[in-house]
């Protein structure tokens, strides 16, 4: 999955401060199938995705977030969620 997102100043500051994470929800995993903290690395954020505590799943994923401007970012993630209905 990938998408361009328009950010508020507060969201951009939170992302740059390492206070943001990605959580992918599915109907089988309503509280989140996988999640990962976005970690800043020279203007881009790197994410390793794994099941959250309490979720029994072999799902995994990886991705990145890139600032296009102060208020716009691009993200791209891949995952191995099975039975994600």
C-alpha atoms as a PDB file:
ATOM      1  CA  UNK A   1       0.000   0.000   0.000  1.00  0.00           C
ATOM      2  CA  UNK A   2       1.165   3.518  -0.686  1.00  0.00           C
ATOM      3  CA  UNK A   3      -0.291   6.985  -0.441  1.00  0.00           C
ATOM      4  CA  UNK A   4       0.516  10.703  -0.291  1.00  0.00           C
ATOM      5  CA  UNK A   5      -0.731  12.384   2.900  1.00  0.00           C
ATOM      6  CA  UNK A   6      -1.126  16.067   3.751  1.00  0.00           C
ATOM      7  CA  UNK A   7       0.083  16.773   7.307  1.00  0.00           C
ATOM      8  CA  UNK A   8      -0.729  19.454   9.844  1.00  0.00           C
ATOM      9  CA  UNK A   9       2.255  21.118  11.530  1.00  0.00           C
ATOM     10  CA  UNK A  10       1.474  19.169  14.720  1.00  0.00           C
ATOM     11  CA  UNK A  11       1.457  15.842  12.853  1.00  0.00           C
ATOM     12  CA  UNK A  12       4.758  16.648  11.121  1.00  0.00           C
ATOM     13  CA  UNK A  13       6.408  17.574  14.432  1.00  0.00           C
ATOM     14  CA  UNK A  14       5.137  14.380  16.058  1.00  0.00           C
ATOM     15  CA  UNK A  15       6.426  12.273  13.177  1.00  0.00           C
ATOM     16  CA  UNK A  16       9.865  13.908  13.247  1.00  0.00           C
ATOM     17  CA  UNK A  17      10.047  13.456  17.033  1.00  0.00           C
ATOM     18  CA  UNK A  18       9.503   9.688  16.710  1.00  0.00           C
ATOM     19  CA  UNK A  19       6.083   9.819  18.350  1.00  0.00           C
ATOM     20  CA  UNK A  20       4.180   8.151  15.488  1.00  0.00           C
ATOM     21  CA  UNK A  21       3.500   4.524  14.660  1.00  0.00           C
ATOM     22  CA  UNK A  22       1.626   2.606  11.992  1.00  0.00           C
ATOM     23  CA  UNK A  23      -1.093   0.159  13.028  1.00  0.00           C
ATOM     24  CA  UNK A  24      -2.835  -1.897  10.327  1.00  0.00           C
ATOM     25  CA  UNK A  25      -6.308  -3.148  11.278  1.00  0.00           C
ATOM     26  CA  UNK A  26      -8.326  -5.896   9.588  1.00  0.00           C
ATOM     27  CA  UNK A  27     -11.725  -7.385  10.347  1.00  0.00           C
ATOM     28  CA  UNK A  28     -10.031 -10.476  11.822  1.00  0.00           C
ATOM     29  CA  UNK A  29      -7.646  -8.307  13.880  1.00  0.00           C
ATOM     30  CA  UNK A  30      -9.769  -5.310  14.875  1.00  0.00           C
ATOM     31  CA  UNK A  31      -7.204  -4.046  17.413  1.00  0.00           C
ATOM     32  CA  UNK A  32      -4.439  -4.250  14.807  1.00  0.00           C
ATOM     33  CA  UNK A  33      -2.830  -7.082  12.874  1.00  0.00           C
ATOM     34  CA  UNK A  34       0.638  -5.514  12.772  1.00  0.00           C
ATOM     35  CA  UNK A  35       2.175  -2.268  13.991  1.00  0.00           C
ATOM     36  CA  UNK A  36       5.523  -0.525  14.017  1.00  0.00           C
ATOM     37  CA  UNK A  37       7.121   2.683  15.279  1.00  0.00           C
ATOM     38  CA  UNK A  38       8.218   5.157  12.594  1.00  0.00           C
ATOM     39  CA  UNK A  39      11.899   5.923  13.208  1.00  0.00           C
ATOM     40  CA  UNK A  40      13.544   8.972  11.615  1.00  0.00           C
ATOM     41  CA  UNK A  41      16.558   8.324   9.393  1.00  0.00           C
ATOM     42  CA  UNK A  42      17.821  11.396   7.441  1.00  0.00           C
ATOM     43  CA  UNK A  43      14.408  12.713   6.421  1.00  0.00           C
ATOM     44  CA  UNK A  44      12.783   9.337   5.961  1.00  0.00           C
ATOM     45  CA  UNK A  45      11.080   7.091   8.462  1.00  0.00           C
ATOM     46  CA  UNK A  46      11.743   3.386   8.583  1.00  0.00           C
ATOM     47  CA  UNK A  47       9.205   0.938   9.919  1.00  0.00           C
ATOM     48  CA  UNK A  48       9.475  -2.722  10.876  1.00  0.00           C
ATOM     49  CA  UNK A  49       6.007  -4.191  11.404  1.00  0.00           C
ATOM     50  CA  UNK A  50       5.146  -7.032  13.769  1.00  0.00           C
ATOM     51  CA  UNK A  51       2.024  -8.249  15.575  1.00  0.00           C
ATOM     52  CA  UNK A  52       1.196  -6.151  18.659  1.00  0.00           C
ATOM     53  CA  UNK A  53       1.213  -7.659  22.149  1.00  0.00           C
ATOM     54  CA  UNK A  54      -1.637 -10.111  22.609  1.00  0.00           C
ATOM     55  CA  UNK A  55      -2.085 -10.838  18.888  1.00  0.00           C
ATOM     56  CA  UNK A  56      -1.170 -14.367  17.836  1.00  0.00           C
ATOM     57  CA  UNK A  57      -0.121 -13.997  14.209  1.00  0.00           C
ATOM     58  CA  UNK A  58       2.851 -14.720  11.970  1.00  0.00           C
ATOM     59  CA  UNK A  59       2.236 -11.462  10.066  1.00  0.00           C
ATOM     60  CA  UNK A  60       5.155  -9.137   9.373  1.00  0.00           C
ATOM     61  CA  UNK A  61       5.934  -6.135   7.222  1.00  0.00           C
ATOM     62  CA  UNK A  62       8.335  -3.360   6.348  1.00  0.00           C
ATOM     63  CA  UNK A  63       8.001   0.119   4.943  1.00  0.00           C
ATOM     64  CA  UNK A  64       9.175   3.687   4.781  1.00  0.00           C
ATOM     65  CA  UNK A  65       7.813   7.202   5.125  1.00  0.00           C
ATOM     66  CA  UNK A  66       9.361  10.092   3.194  1.00  0.00           C
ATOM     67  CA  UNK A  67       8.773  13.812   3.681  1.00  0.00           C
ATOM     68  CA  UNK A  68       7.947  15.469   0.357  1.00  0.00           C
ATOM     69  CA  UNK A  69       7.624  18.910   1.997  1.00  0.00           C
ATOM     70  CA  UNK A  70       6.966  20.273   5.487  1.00  0.00           C
ATOM     71  CA  UNK A  71       3.307  19.321   5.207  1.00  0.00           C
ATOM     72  CA  UNK A  72       3.264  16.340   2.841  1.00  0.00           C
ATOM     73  CA  UNK A  73       4.629  12.828   3.147  1.00  0.00           C
ATOM     74  CA  UNK A  74       4.622   9.648   1.092  1.00  0.00           C
ATOM     75  CA  UNK A  75       4.455   6.180   2.597  1.00  0.00           C
ATOM     76  CA  UNK A  76       4.858   2.693   1.216  1.00  0.00           C
ATOM     77  CA  UNK A  77       4.448  -0.549   3.164  1.00  0.00           C
ATOM     78  CA  UNK A  78       4.332  -4.233   2.359  1.00  0.00           C
ATOM     79  CA  UNK A  79       3.020  -6.921   4.687  1.00  0.00           C
ATOM     80  CA  UNK A  80       2.347 -10.635   4.981  1.00  0.00           C
ATOM     81  CA  UNK A  81      -1.012 -10.529   6.774  1.00  0.00           C
ATOM     82  CA  UNK A  82      -2.946 -13.695   5.989  1.00  0.00           C
ATOM     83  CA  UNK A  83      -6.620 -14.235   6.765  1.00  0.00           C
ATOM     84  CA  UNK A  84      -6.936 -10.470   6.969  1.00  0.00           C
ATOM     85  CA  UNK A  85     -10.549 -10.306   5.827  1.00  0.00           C
END
